[in-house]
Amino acid sequence: MNVLKNMEAIFVVALALAGVSTYAEAAIGRAADAGNAQVSVSASQVAVVKVSAKRPA
């Protein structure tokens, strides 16, 4: 009978735990994606553009 009286509190705690774990999992996923998004470019892959036109006055 005591468990039935505290069922609302158990539900609220379970709901809060699910919300916190959802945000924690999303933060871990974003951190992993940010690490994978960093790109290294060597000097041979950098494009060089030479402009030989006159500037307007």
C-alpha atoms as a PDB file:
ATOM      1  CA  MET A   1       0.000   0.000   0.000  1.00  0.00           C
ATOM      2  CA  ASN A   2       2.920   2.347   0.699  1.00  0.00           C
ATOM      3  CA  VAL A   3       4.178   1.974  -2.881  1.00  0.00           C
ATOM      4  CA  LEU A   4       0.810   3.081  -4.268  1.00  0.00           C
ATOM      5  CA  LYS A   5       0.955   6.255  -2.179  1.00  0.00           C
ATOM      6  CA  ASN A   6       4.374   7.119  -3.594  1.00  0.00           C
ATOM      7  CA  MET A   7       3.637   6.139  -7.202  1.00  0.00           C
ATOM      8  CA  GLU A   8       3.435   9.789  -8.325  1.00  0.00           C
ATOM      9  CA  ALA A   9       6.844  10.550  -6.816  1.00  0.00           C
ATOM     10  CA  ILE A  10       8.337   7.434  -8.433  1.00  0.00           C
ATOM     11  CA  PHE A  11       6.909   8.508 -11.804  1.00  0.00           C
ATOM     12  CA  VAL A  12       8.286  12.056 -11.483  1.00  0.00           C
ATOM     13  CA  VAL A  13      11.748  10.757 -10.545  1.00  0.00           C
ATOM     14  CA  ALA A  14      11.727   8.315 -13.472  1.00  0.00           C
ATOM     15  CA  LEU A  15      10.639  11.092 -15.835  1.00  0.00           C
ATOM     16  CA  ALA A  16      13.400  13.404 -14.576  1.00  0.00           C
ATOM     17  CA  LEU A  17      15.990  10.651 -14.948  1.00  0.00           C
ATOM     18  CA  ALA A  18      14.867   9.974 -18.519  1.00  0.00           C
ATOM     19  CA  GLY A  19      15.112  13.674 -19.386  1.00  0.00           C
ATOM     20  CA  VAL A  20      18.583  14.051 -17.911  1.00  0.00           C
ATOM     21  CA  SER A  21      19.856  10.948 -19.665  1.00  0.00           C
ATOM     22  CA  THR A  22      18.439  12.206 -22.984  1.00  0.00           C
ATOM     23  CA  TYR A  23      20.322  15.494 -22.701  1.00  0.00           C
ATOM     24  CA  ALA A  24      23.505  13.706 -21.626  1.00  0.00           C
ATOM     25  CA  GLU A  25      23.340  11.347 -24.600  1.00  0.00           C
ATOM     26  CA  ALA A  26      22.753  14.268 -26.980  1.00  0.00           C
ATOM     27  CA  ALA A  27      25.758  16.134 -25.564  1.00  0.00           C
ATOM     28  CA  ILE A  28      27.987  13.099 -26.039  1.00  0.00           C
ATOM     29  CA  GLY A  29      26.792  12.760 -29.641  1.00  0.00           C
ATOM     30  CA  ARG A  30      27.459  16.438 -30.389  1.00  0.00           C
ATOM     31  CA  ALA A  31      30.949  16.196 -28.914  1.00  0.00           C
ATOM     32  CA  ALA A  32      31.742  13.181 -31.082  1.00  0.00           C
ATOM     33  CA  ASP A  33      30.400  14.927 -34.196  1.00  0.00           C
ATOM     34  CA  ALA A  34      32.455  18.047 -33.469  1.00  0.00           C
ATOM     35  CA  GLY A  35      35.613  15.953 -33.263  1.00  0.00           C
ATOM     36  CA  ASN A  36      34.862  14.280 -36.574  1.00  0.00           C
ATOM     37  CA  ALA A  37      34.091  17.592 -38.291  1.00  0.00           C
ATOM     38  CA  GLN A  38      37.633  18.922 -37.948  1.00  0.00           C
ATOM     39  CA  VAL A  39      39.370  18.647 -41.302  1.00  0.00           C
ATOM     40  CA  SER A  40      43.081  18.797 -41.926  1.00  0.00           C
ATOM     41  CA  VAL A  41      44.221  20.222 -45.252  1.00  0.00           C
ATOM     42  CA  SER A  42      47.775  19.864 -46.449  1.00  0.00           C
ATOM     43  CA  ALA A  43      49.608  22.614 -48.334  1.00  0.00           C
ATOM     44  CA  SER A  44      49.255  20.840 -51.683  1.00  0.00           C
ATOM     45  CA  GLN A  45      45.452  20.956 -51.511  1.00  0.00           C
ATOM     46  CA  VAL A  46      45.127  24.704 -50.862  1.00  0.00           C
ATOM     47  CA  ALA A  47      43.952  26.624 -53.943  1.00  0.00           C
ATOM     48  CA  VAL A  48      45.883  29.783 -54.826  1.00  0.00           C
ATOM     49  CA  VAL A  49      44.194  32.489 -56.906  1.00  0.00           C
ATOM     50  CA  LYS A  50      46.228  35.271 -58.549  1.00  0.00           C
ATOM     51  CA  VAL A  51      44.260  38.328 -59.649  1.00  0.00           C
ATOM     52  CA  SER A  52      46.025  40.511 -62.192  1.00  0.00           C
ATOM     53  CA  ALA A  53      43.286  43.053 -62.952  1.00  0.00           C
ATOM     54  CA  LYS A  54      43.425  46.742 -62.092  1.00  0.00           C
ATOM     55  CA  ARG A  55      41.428  48.060 -59.169  1.00  0.00           C
ATOM     56  CA  PRO A  56      38.632  50.512 -59.939  1.00  0.00           C
ATOM     57  CA  ALA A  57      39.416  54.119 -59.003  1.00  0.00           C
END
